């Protein structure tokens, strides 16, 4: 009996110890999952803030540099060159980034981009303290070129880095990143107006530069290092072949014309508001709050609609709103009574809606085009789509700054420039819509999990009549 009692006791103690050990292991596993989830959220937050700050850097020059450039002896064409050099460098180096990017160097390229961006913005701010004329022009130009190179690194690496930590939520992460990118461009001007009185032209740029140096340190610590075992790298020849196909160009060229608005706005709107509406420089940035509000209100709605397959339809809406808002800028030339602050605010509000309807859907359609051309691997597809979208934004802003905001604005005036641009938007909008209809892309486009539950993402085109919410 004693032996039986001892065995029973020993068995109970063993069972208790095992249960306690299992409970401990379960709690440790839960803690690890929470810690892992927290780190993933930090990665997405860093990625989003990085692109938002890049948008701030991009948009700060538009409202404030034209007057500073005029003070320091630059022509409108030179001002357009300085502002547009960011996008020109971004455009050129985006092809290089697409050809060298692979899983083993993606974190290095990302961190390099953040560091270069912070440095370039600081140098741009400091250049305003130098001598007038040619020295100022070349120093400001060089600083913006460094910023543009940094942008090509960040735009090409941020999306793949963020999506890899939540592959099962690729649609949501893509929406967050794209909204962050646009959000930065619309909050830059009002933020600049708030900081300008504190120390002059250089203050907003030094503040954003400081923030990016902090982001660089956080990125070094938290951003994941991807294994080099993934062999699906995009070759330069494959990327160029993809880029110059008619189906790709039918998305790239029309969408690029929508981005002309950003370049024209950055290089010409501020001087127009100052000259025609009599607004002082320190308050011009606040006018762009209208753009910020309309973007903030419409951006989440667009993301929600894109997640439900309406990306192609939203692009069609963008090609309706954009020429209307641009023609509205021309109308005061024959109806002077319209040249009011309220009219300018209405135009900027429509600009914000156009931006919201462009970012997310364009990226989604580019992924669909990549799938149609046989790029089924997630890493390849996202690298190609991100690089092509970068080309769309950079080329559009470059042409908008150099040609429309600079050359045309200098030679035929602001009103006629807007008229020509509005007509161009009508033509490219018709081209884009014809392409979408003729290729059966005016259906519903979705992100769907890949077979096998790998967490990869593919796109599915489904007729709206056969899909239910």
Protein backbone atom coordinates (compact mmCIF):
# COMPACT_ATOMS: atom_id res chain seq x y z
CA UNK A 1 0.00 0.00 0.00
CA UNK A 2 2.85 2.33 0.87
CA UNK A 3 4.51 1.65 -2.46
CA UNK A 4 1.25 2.23 -4.32
CA UNK A 5 0.72 5.49 -2.44
CA UNK A 6 4.24 6.67 -3.29
CA UNK A 7 3.77 5.83 -6.97
CA UNK A 8 0.41 7.61 -7.05
CA UNK A 9 1.94 10.68 -5.37
CA UNK A 10 4.93 10.64 -7.70
CA UNK A 11 2.62 10.39 -10.72
CA UNK A 12 0.53 13.33 -9.50
CA UNK A 13 3.64 15.42 -8.91
CA UNK A 14 4.97 14.56 -12.38
CA UNK A 15 1.64 15.49 -13.95
CA UNK A 16 1.63 18.77 -12.02
CA UNK A 17 5.20 19.55 -13.11
CA UNK A 18 4.39 18.70 -16.74
CA UNK A 19 1.30 20.91 -16.71
CA UNK A 20 3.30 23.71 -15.14
CA UNK A 21 6.04 23.30 -17.75
CA UNK A 22 3.51 23.30 -20.61
CA UNK A 23 1.84 26.43 -19.20
CA UNK A 24 5.23 28.12 -18.97
CA UNK A 25 6.11 27.15 -22.54
CA UNK A 26 2.75 28.40 -23.83
CA UNK A 27 3.21 31.74 -22.03
CA UNK A 28 6.74 32.09 -23.42
CA UNK A 29 5.45 31.34 -26.91
CA UNK A 30 2.70 33.94 -26.51
CA UNK A 31 5.27 36.48 -25.27
CA UNK A 32 7.48 35.75 -28.28
CA UNK A 33 4.53 36.15 -30.65
CA UNK A 34 3.62 39.48 -29.05
CA UNK A 35 7.24 40.64 -29.25
CA UNK A 36 7.42 39.51 -32.89
CA UNK A 37 4.15 41.27 -33.71
CA UNK A 38 5.39 44.44 -32.01
CA UNK A 39 8.60 44.38 -34.06
CA UNK A 40 6.60 43.87 -37.26
CA UNK A 41 4.42 46.85 -36.45
CA UNK A 42 7.54 48.93 -35.80
CA UNK A 43 8.88 47.97 -39.25
CA UNK A 44 5.64 49.08 -40.92
CA UNK A 45 5.63 52.31 -38.87
CA UNK A 46 9.25 53.12 -39.81
CA UNK A 47 8.50 52.37 -43.48
CA UNK A 48 5.41 54.58 -43.48
CA UNK A 49 7.09 57.48 -41.67
CA UNK A 50 10.12 57.27 -43.96
CA UNK A 51 8.05 57.71 -47.10
CA UNK A 52 5.94 60.38 -45.42
CA UNK A 53 9.14 62.32 -44.59
CA UNK A 54 10.34 61.81 -48.16
CA UNK A 55 7.07 63.33 -49.34
CA UNK A 56 7.60 66.27 -46.99
CA UNK A 57 11.11 66.81 -48.41
CA UNK A 58 9.71 66.66 -51.92
CA UNK A 59 6.89 69.15 -51.35
CA UNK A 60 8.64 71.69 -49.10
CA UNK A 61 10.59 73.20 -51.97
CA UNK A 62 7.50 74.13 -54.02
CA UNK A 63 5.89 76.81 -51.81
CA UNK A 64 9.10 78.33 -50.40
CA UNK A 65 12.02 77.87 -52.80
CA UNK A 66 10.65 79.99 -55.70
CA UNK A 67 10.70 83.18 -53.61
CA UNK A 68 14.07 82.32 -52.05
CA UNK A 69 15.44 81.57 -55.53
CA UNK A 70 14.14 84.90 -56.86
CA UNK A 71 15.75 86.72 -53.92
CA UNK A 72 19.07 85.09 -54.72
CA UNK A 73 18.96 85.95 -58.42
CA UNK A 74 17.59 82.79 -60.07
CA UNK A 75 15.25 82.82 -63.08
CA UNK A 76 11.98 80.89 -63.14
CA UNK A 77 13.62 78.29 -65.39
CA UNK A 78 16.50 77.85 -62.93
CA UNK A 79 14.02 77.53 -60.07
CA UNK A 80 12.18 74.84 -62.02
CA UNK A 81 15.49 73.04 -62.63
CA UNK A 82 16.37 73.00 -58.93
CA UNK A 83 12.95 71.72 -57.90
CA UNK A 84 12.80 69.21 -60.75
CA UNK A 85 16.35 67.89 -60.22
CA UNK A 86 15.03 65.80 -57.32
CA UNK A 87 12.74 63.88 -59.65
CA UNK A 88 15.21 63.77 -62.53
CA UNK A 89 17.82 62.07 -60.33
CA UNK A 90 15.14 59.83 -58.87
CA UNK A 91 13.99 58.85 -62.37
CA UNK A 92 17.49 58.03 -63.63
CA UNK A 93 18.59 56.04 -60.60
CA UNK A 94 15.31 54.14 -60.25
CA UNK A 95 16.38 51.97 -63.19
CA UNK A 96 19.71 51.27 -61.51
CA UNK A 97 18.08 50.43 -58.17
CA UNK A 98 15.66 48.03 -59.86
CA UNK A 99 18.58 46.16 -61.45
CA UNK A 100 20.76 45.84 -58.31
CA UNK A 101 18.06 45.24 -55.70
CA UNK A 102 17.95 41.76 -54.17
CA UNK A 103 16.92 40.28 -50.79
CA UNK A 104 20.46 40.28 -49.41
CA UNK A 105 21.11 44.02 -49.94
CA UNK A 106 17.64 45.50 -49.52
CA UNK A 107 18.19 46.68 -45.93
CA UNK A 108 21.57 48.22 -46.81
CA UNK A 109 20.07 50.13 -49.74
CA UNK A 110 17.13 51.27 -47.61
CA UNK A 111 19.33 52.57 -44.77
CA UNK A 112 21.65 54.24 -47.29
CA UNK A 113 18.64 55.99 -48.79
CA UNK A 114 17.49 57.33 -45.41
CA UNK A 115 20.99 58.59 -44.56
CA UNK A 116 21.50 60.26 -47.94
CA UNK A 117 18.08 61.87 -47.76
CA UNK A 118 18.80 63.38 -44.36
CA UNK A 119 22.17 64.65 -45.57
CA UNK A 120 20.80 66.08 -48.82
CA UNK A 121 18.01 67.98 -47.06
CA UNK A 122 20.47 69.46 -44.54
CA UNK A 123 22.78 70.61 -47.36
CA UNK A 124 19.84 72.15 -49.23
CA UNK A 125 18.96 74.17 -46.13
CA UNK A 126 22.53 75.32 -45.60
CA UNK A 127 22.93 76.33 -49.28
CA UNK A 128 20.49 79.21 -48.70
CA UNK A 129 23.11 80.86 -46.46
CA UNK A 130 25.70 80.97 -49.26
CA UNK A 131 26.37 83.58 -51.97
CA UNK A 132 23.74 84.56 -54.56
CA UNK A 133 23.61 83.67 -58.22
CA UNK A 134 25.45 80.71 -59.75
CA UNK A 135 26.99 79.38 -56.49
CA UNK A 136 23.56 79.18 -54.89
CA UNK A 137 22.06 77.57 -58.00
CA UNK A 138 24.68 74.80 -58.20
CA UNK A 139 24.76 74.05 -54.47
CA UNK A 140 20.96 73.85 -54.28
CA UNK A 141 20.89 71.73 -57.44
CA UNK A 142 23.50 69.29 -56.10
CA UNK A 143 21.63 68.94 -52.80
CA UNK A 144 18.38 68.11 -54.58
CA UNK A 145 20.16 65.56 -56.78
CA UNK A 146 21.43 63.77 -53.66
CA UNK A 147 17.85 63.80 -52.37
CA UNK A 148 16.62 62.34 -55.65
CA UNK A 149 19.13 59.48 -55.52
CA UNK A 150 18.03 58.79 -51.95
CA UNK A 151 14.38 58.78 -53.07
CA UNK A 152 15.10 56.16 -55.75
CA UNK A 153 16.60 53.91 -53.05
CA UNK A 154 13.69 54.44 -50.66
CA UNK A 155 10.86 54.12 -53.17
CA UNK A 156 12.38 50.90 -54.53
CA UNK A 157 12.99 49.20 -51.16
CA UNK A 158 10.35 50.38 -48.69
CA UNK A 159 7.37 48.53 -50.13
CA UNK A 160 9.07 45.09 -50.32
CA UNK A 161 10.50 45.52 -46.80
CA UNK A 162 7.15 46.45 -45.28
CA UNK A 163 5.10 43.80 -47.08
CA UNK A 164 7.47 40.95 -46.18
CA UNK A 165 6.67 41.23 -42.46
CA UNK A 166 2.91 40.93 -43.04
CA UNK A 167 2.61 38.98 -46.33
CA UNK A 168 -0.90 37.85 -45.41
CA UNK A 169 -1.98 41.52 -45.21
CA UNK A 170 -0.25 42.78 -48.33
CA UNK A 171 -3.26 44.78 -49.54
CA UNK A 172 -3.56 46.66 -46.23
CA UNK A 173 0.20 47.31 -45.96
CA UNK A 174 0.33 48.54 -49.56
CA UNK A 175 -2.53 50.94 -48.84
CA UNK A 176 -0.83 52.26 -45.67
CA UNK A 177 2.49 52.82 -47.46
CA UNK A 178 0.90 54.51 -50.46
CA UNK A 179 -1.23 56.79 -48.29
CA UNK A 180 1.85 57.70 -46.23
CA UNK A 181 3.74 58.60 -49.40
CA UNK A 182 1.03 60.98 -50.53
CA UNK A 183 0.34 62.27 -47.04
CA UNK A 184 3.89 63.58 -46.72
CA UNK A 185 3.56 65.60 -49.91
CA UNK A 186 0.40 67.32 -48.68
CA UNK A 187 1.46 68.08 -45.10
CA UNK A 188 4.83 69.53 -46.14
CA UNK A 189 3.64 73.01 -47.20
CA UNK A 190 1.51 73.81 -44.12
CA UNK A 191 4.22 72.38 -41.87
CA UNK A 192 6.74 74.63 -43.62
CA UNK A 193 4.56 77.68 -43.08
CA UNK A 194 4.37 76.87 -39.37
CA UNK A 195 8.17 76.50 -39.06
CA UNK A 196 9.23 79.34 -41.38
CA UNK A 197 8.77 82.17 -38.82
CA UNK A 198 10.99 80.31 -36.33
CA UNK A 199 14.20 80.66 -38.33
CA UNK A 200 13.57 81.44 -41.96
CA UNK A 201 13.82 79.34 -45.12
CA UNK A 202 16.24 76.74 -43.75
CA UNK A 203 14.23 75.82 -40.62
CA UNK A 204 11.66 73.41 -42.13
CA UNK A 205 14.38 71.53 -44.00
CA UNK A 206 16.65 71.22 -40.94
CA UNK A 207 13.73 69.86 -38.90
CA UNK A 208 12.92 67.16 -41.47
CA UNK A 209 16.61 66.34 -41.83
CA UNK A 210 16.90 65.81 -38.06
CA UNK A 211 13.85 63.51 -38.10
CA UNK A 212 15.41 61.44 -40.89
CA UNK A 213 18.67 61.00 -39.00
CA UNK A 214 16.60 59.53 -36.15
CA UNK A 215 14.78 57.28 -38.63
CA UNK A 216 18.15 56.08 -39.93
CA UNK A 217 19.16 54.89 -36.45
CA UNK A 218 15.79 53.16 -35.95
CA UNK A 219 16.06 51.50 -39.36
CA UNK A 220 19.52 50.10 -38.59
CA UNK A 221 18.13 48.57 -35.39
CA UNK A 222 14.71 47.31 -36.44
CA UNK A 223 14.55 46.72 -40.20
CA UNK A 224 14.87 43.00 -41.02
CA UNK A 225 17.74 41.48 -42.96
CA UNK A 226 16.44 39.20 -45.68
CA UNK A 227 18.11 35.92 -46.54
CA UNK A 228 20.00 35.75 -49.81
CA UNK A 229 18.53 32.29 -50.45
CA UNK A 230 15.67 33.87 -52.39
CA UNK A 231 16.89 33.80 -55.99
CA UNK A 232 14.04 35.67 -57.67
CA UNK A 233 16.01 38.77 -58.60
CA UNK A 234 14.91 41.17 -61.32
CA UNK A 235 17.58 41.46 -64.01
CA UNK A 236 18.11 44.83 -65.64
CA UNK A 237 17.31 43.37 -69.05
CA UNK A 238 14.05 41.84 -67.76
CA UNK A 239 13.03 45.11 -66.15
CA UNK A 240 13.71 47.14 -69.32
CA UNK A 241 11.85 44.57 -71.41
CA UNK A 242 8.87 44.81 -69.07
CA UNK A 243 8.98 48.60 -68.88
CA UNK A 244 8.97 49.25 -72.63
CA UNK A 245 6.14 46.87 -73.50
CA UNK A 246 3.00 48.57 -74.83
CA UNK A 247 0.85 47.32 -71.94
CA UNK A 248 3.26 48.82 -69.39
CA UNK A 249 3.69 52.11 -71.25
CA UNK A 250 -0.10 52.42 -71.54
CA UNK A 251 -0.16 52.65 -67.75
CA UNK A 252 3.11 54.56 -67.23
CA UNK A 253 2.65 57.43 -69.71
CA UNK A 254 -0.96 58.42 -68.89
CA UNK A 255 -0.34 58.09 -65.15
CA UNK A 256 2.82 60.18 -65.49
CA UNK A 257 0.78 63.03 -66.98
CA UNK A 258 -1.33 63.05 -63.82
CA UNK A 259 1.87 63.64 -61.85
CA UNK A 260 2.65 66.72 -63.98
CA UNK A 261 0.28 68.45 -61.55
CA UNK A 262 2.71 67.91 -58.67
CA UNK A 263 5.66 69.35 -60.58
CA UNK A 264 3.66 72.31 -61.85
CA UNK A 265 2.27 72.93 -58.37
CA UNK A 266 5.71 72.87 -56.75
CA UNK A 267 7.40 75.19 -59.24
CA UNK A 268 4.62 77.63 -60.21
CA UNK A 269 1.65 77.68 -57.81
CA UNK A 270 3.40 79.60 -55.04
CA UNK A 271 4.48 82.47 -57.31
CA UNK A 272 1.02 82.52 -58.88
CA UNK A 273 -0.67 82.79 -55.47
CA UNK A 274 1.77 85.50 -54.42
CA UNK A 275 1.42 87.52 -57.63
CA UNK A 276 -2.28 87.18 -58.45
CA UNK A 277 -3.79 86.72 -54.97
CA UNK A 278 -1.30 88.91 -53.07
CA UNK A 279 -0.47 86.24 -50.50
CA UNK A 280 2.78 86.63 -48.49
CA UNK A 281 5.27 83.73 -48.50
CA UNK A 282 4.75 82.82 -44.85
CA UNK A 283 1.04 82.15 -45.40
CA UNK A 284 1.18 80.44 -48.80
CA UNK A 285 1.91 77.06 -47.23
CA UNK A 286 -1.32 77.25 -45.25
CA UNK A 287 -3.29 77.46 -48.50
CA UNK A 288 -2.17 73.91 -49.23
CA UNK A 289 -4.09 72.71 -46.17
CA UNK A 290 -7.08 72.43 -48.52
CA UNK A 291 -5.13 69.87 -50.50
CA UNK A 292 -4.14 68.07 -47.30
CA UNK A 293 -7.69 67.85 -46.00
CA UNK A 294 -9.15 66.58 -49.28
CA UNK A 295 -6.38 63.99 -49.53
CA UNK A 296 -6.82 62.85 -45.93
CA UNK A 297 -10.57 62.49 -46.39
CA UNK A 298 -10.47 60.75 -49.76
CA UNK A 299 -7.30 58.64 -49.27
CA UNK A 300 -8.74 56.07 -46.81
CA UNK A 301 -11.93 55.83 -48.87
CA UNK A 302 -9.89 55.13 -52.00
CA UNK A 303 -7.86 52.50 -50.11
CA UNK A 304 -11.09 50.83 -48.99
CA UNK A 305 -12.44 50.80 -52.55
CA UNK A 306 -9.17 49.50 -54.01
CA UNK A 307 -9.26 46.65 -51.49
CA UNK A 308 -12.67 45.75 -52.91
CA UNK A 309 -11.49 45.68 -56.49
CA UNK A 310 -12.38 49.14 -57.81
CA UNK A 311 -8.82 50.24 -58.67
CA UNK A 312 -9.38 50.59 -62.43
CA UNK A 313 -12.58 52.57 -61.94
CA UNK A 314 -10.82 54.95 -59.55
CA UNK A 315 -8.10 55.66 -62.13
CA UNK A 316 -10.88 56.60 -64.56
CA UNK A 317 -12.20 59.07 -61.98
CA UNK A 318 -8.70 60.61 -61.67
CA UNK A 319 -8.63 61.29 -65.42
CA UNK A 320 -11.92 63.16 -65.09
CA UNK A 321 -11.01 65.28 -62.05
CA UNK A 322 -7.46 66.23 -63.13
CA UNK A 323 -8.30 68.10 -66.38
CA UNK A 324 -11.23 69.85 -64.68
CA UNK A 325 -9.05 71.19 -61.85
CA UNK A 326 -6.32 72.26 -64.31
CA UNK A 327 -8.79 74.05 -66.58
CA UNK A 328 -10.13 75.84 -63.52
CA UNK A 329 -6.70 77.49 -63.18
CA UNK A 330 -7.01 78.76 -66.77
CA UNK A 331 -10.56 80.13 -66.39
CA UNK A 332 -9.60 83.37 -64.51
CA UNK A 333 -7.80 84.47 -67.70
CA UNK A 334 -11.21 85.16 -69.31
CA UNK A 335 -13.28 85.38 -66.09
CA UNK A 336 -11.17 87.57 -63.74
CA UNK A 337 -13.85 87.46 -61.06
CA UNK A 338 -12.87 83.83 -60.40
CA UNK A 339 -9.37 84.83 -59.32
CA UNK A 340 -10.12 84.52 -55.62
CA UNK A 341 -8.79 82.61 -52.65
CA UNK A 342 -11.93 80.44 -52.61
CA UNK A 343 -11.33 79.40 -56.23
CA UNK A 344 -7.70 78.52 -55.46
CA UNK A 345 -8.80 76.44 -52.48
CA UNK A 346 -11.30 74.58 -54.69
CA UNK A 347 -8.53 73.76 -57.18
CA UNK A 348 -6.21 72.49 -54.44
CA UNK A 349 -9.01 70.37 -52.98
CA UNK A 350 -9.50 68.68 -56.36
CA UNK A 351 -5.70 68.22 -56.57
CA UNK A 352 -5.83 66.32 -53.29
CA UNK A 353 -8.57 64.01 -54.56
CA UNK A 354 -6.57 63.39 -57.75
CA UNK A 355 -3.53 62.37 -55.69
CA UNK A 356 -5.62 60.00 -53.59
CA UNK A 357 -7.14 58.37 -56.67
CA UNK A 358 -3.73 57.92 -58.31
CA UNK A 359 -1.28 56.37 -55.82
CA UNK A 360 -2.84 53.11 -54.71
CA UNK A 361 -4.73 52.12 -57.91
CA UNK A 362 -1.70 52.74 -60.17
CA UNK A 363 0.48 50.44 -58.09
CA UNK A 364 -2.22 47.76 -58.11
CA UNK A 365 -2.66 47.94 -61.89
CA UNK A 366 1.12 47.73 -62.41
CA UNK A 367 1.16 44.51 -60.38
CA UNK A 368 -1.66 43.18 -62.53
CA UNK A 369 0.31 44.02 -65.69
CA UNK A 370 3.35 42.26 -64.18
CA UNK A 371 1.28 39.14 -63.47
CA UNK A 372 -0.07 39.19 -67.04
CA UNK A 373 3.52 39.26 -68.30
CA UNK A 374 4.45 36.18 -66.25
CA UNK A 375 6.00 37.68 -63.08
CA UNK A 376 4.32 35.43 -60.53
CA UNK A 377 7.00 35.64 -57.82
CA UNK A 378 6.07 38.18 -55.16
CA UNK A 379 9.58 39.64 -54.80
CA UNK A 380 9.97 40.14 -58.54
CA UNK A 381 6.51 41.55 -59.00
CA UNK A 382 6.73 44.03 -56.14
CA UNK A 383 10.20 45.20 -57.17
CA UNK A 384 8.99 45.79 -60.72
CA UNK A 385 5.74 47.49 -59.67
CA UNK A 386 7.47 49.72 -57.10
CA UNK A 387 10.19 50.70 -59.58
CA UNK A 388 7.70 51.44 -62.36
CA UNK A 389 5.52 53.48 -60.03
CA UNK A 390 8.61 55.42 -59.01
CA UNK A 391 9.29 56.13 -62.70
CA UNK A 392 5.70 57.33 -63.12
CA UNK A 393 5.94 59.74 -60.20
CA UNK A 394 9.49 60.93 -60.93
CA UNK A 395 9.04 61.45 -64.68
CA UNK A 396 5.72 63.19 -64.17
CA UNK A 397 7.06 65.54 -61.53
CA UNK A 398 10.23 66.19 -63.57
CA UNK A 399 8.33 67.17 -66.71
CA UNK A 400 5.84 69.13 -64.62
CA UNK A 401 8.64 71.13 -62.99
CA UNK A 402 11.03 71.59 -65.93
CA UNK A 403 8.74 71.88 -68.92
CA UNK A 404 5.40 73.11 -67.60
CA UNK A 405 6.34 74.99 -64.43
CA UNK A 406 9.65 76.22 -65.85
CA UNK A 407 9.92 76.55 -69.65
CA UNK A 408 6.26 76.99 -70.64
CA UNK A 409 5.44 79.15 -67.64
CA UNK A 410 8.39 81.42 -68.49
CA UNK A 411 7.47 81.74 -72.17
CA UNK A 412 3.69 81.61 -72.52
CA UNK A 413 2.51 82.41 -68.99
CA UNK A 414 0.76 80.48 -66.25
CA UNK A 415 -2.75 80.50 -67.74
CA UNK A 416 -1.76 79.18 -71.17
CA UNK A 417 0.43 76.55 -69.54
CA UNK A 418 -2.58 75.27 -67.61
CA UNK A 419 -4.71 75.21 -70.78
CA UNK A 420 -2.16 73.11 -72.67
CA UNK A 421 -1.79 70.76 -69.73
CA UNK A 422 -5.56 70.34 -69.37
CA UNK A 423 -5.84 69.37 -73.05
CA UNK A 424 -2.99 66.87 -72.65
CA UNK A 425 -4.76 65.26 -69.69
CA UNK A 426 -7.88 64.74 -71.80
CA UNK A 427 -5.85 62.98 -74.52
CA UNK A 428 -3.88 60.72 -72.17
CA UNK A 429 -7.00 59.98 -70.16
CA UNK A 430 -8.76 58.71 -73.29
CA UNK A 431 -5.67 56.59 -74.11
CA UNK A 432 -5.64 55.07 -70.63
CA UNK A 433 -9.34 54.27 -70.65
CA UNK A 434 -9.15 52.70 -74.12
CA UNK A 435 -6.27 50.52 -72.95
CA UNK A 436 -8.12 49.38 -69.83
CA UNK A 437 -11.27 48.56 -71.79
CA UNK A 438 -9.50 46.86 -74.73
CA UNK A 439 -7.46 44.64 -72.39
CA UNK A 440 -10.39 43.71 -70.17
CA UNK A 441 -8.94 45.55 -67.17
CA UNK A 442 -12.06 47.52 -66.34
CA UNK A 443 -13.20 44.69 -64.13
CA UNK A 444 -12.45 44.24 -60.45
CA UNK A 445 -8.81 43.68 -59.43
CA UNK A 446 -8.08 41.95 -56.14
CA UNK A 447 -5.25 40.85 -53.90
CA UNK A 448 -5.68 37.14 -53.17
CA UNK A 449 -3.57 34.63 -51.16
CA UNK A 450 -1.44 32.39 -53.35
CA UNK A 451 -2.05 28.65 -53.52
CA UNK A 452 -0.38 26.77 -50.74
CA UNK A 453 -0.92 29.45 -48.12
CA UNK A 454 2.58 30.84 -48.51
CA UNK A 455 1.37 34.34 -47.80
CA UNK A 456 2.39 35.47 -51.26
CA UNK A 457 0.03 37.77 -53.08
CA UNK A 458 -1.38 37.49 -56.58
CA UNK A 459 -3.92 39.58 -58.41
CA UNK A 460 -7.19 38.31 -59.75
CA UNK A 461 -9.38 39.99 -62.32
CA UNK A 462 -13.04 39.21 -61.85
CA UNK A 463 -16.09 40.52 -63.63
CA UNK A 464 -18.10 42.66 -61.25
CA UNK A 465 -21.25 40.71 -62.04
CA UNK A 466 -19.76 37.47 -60.72
CA UNK A 467 -18.17 38.81 -57.54
CA UNK A 468 -20.01 39.44 -54.32
CA UNK A 469 -18.76 41.47 -51.36
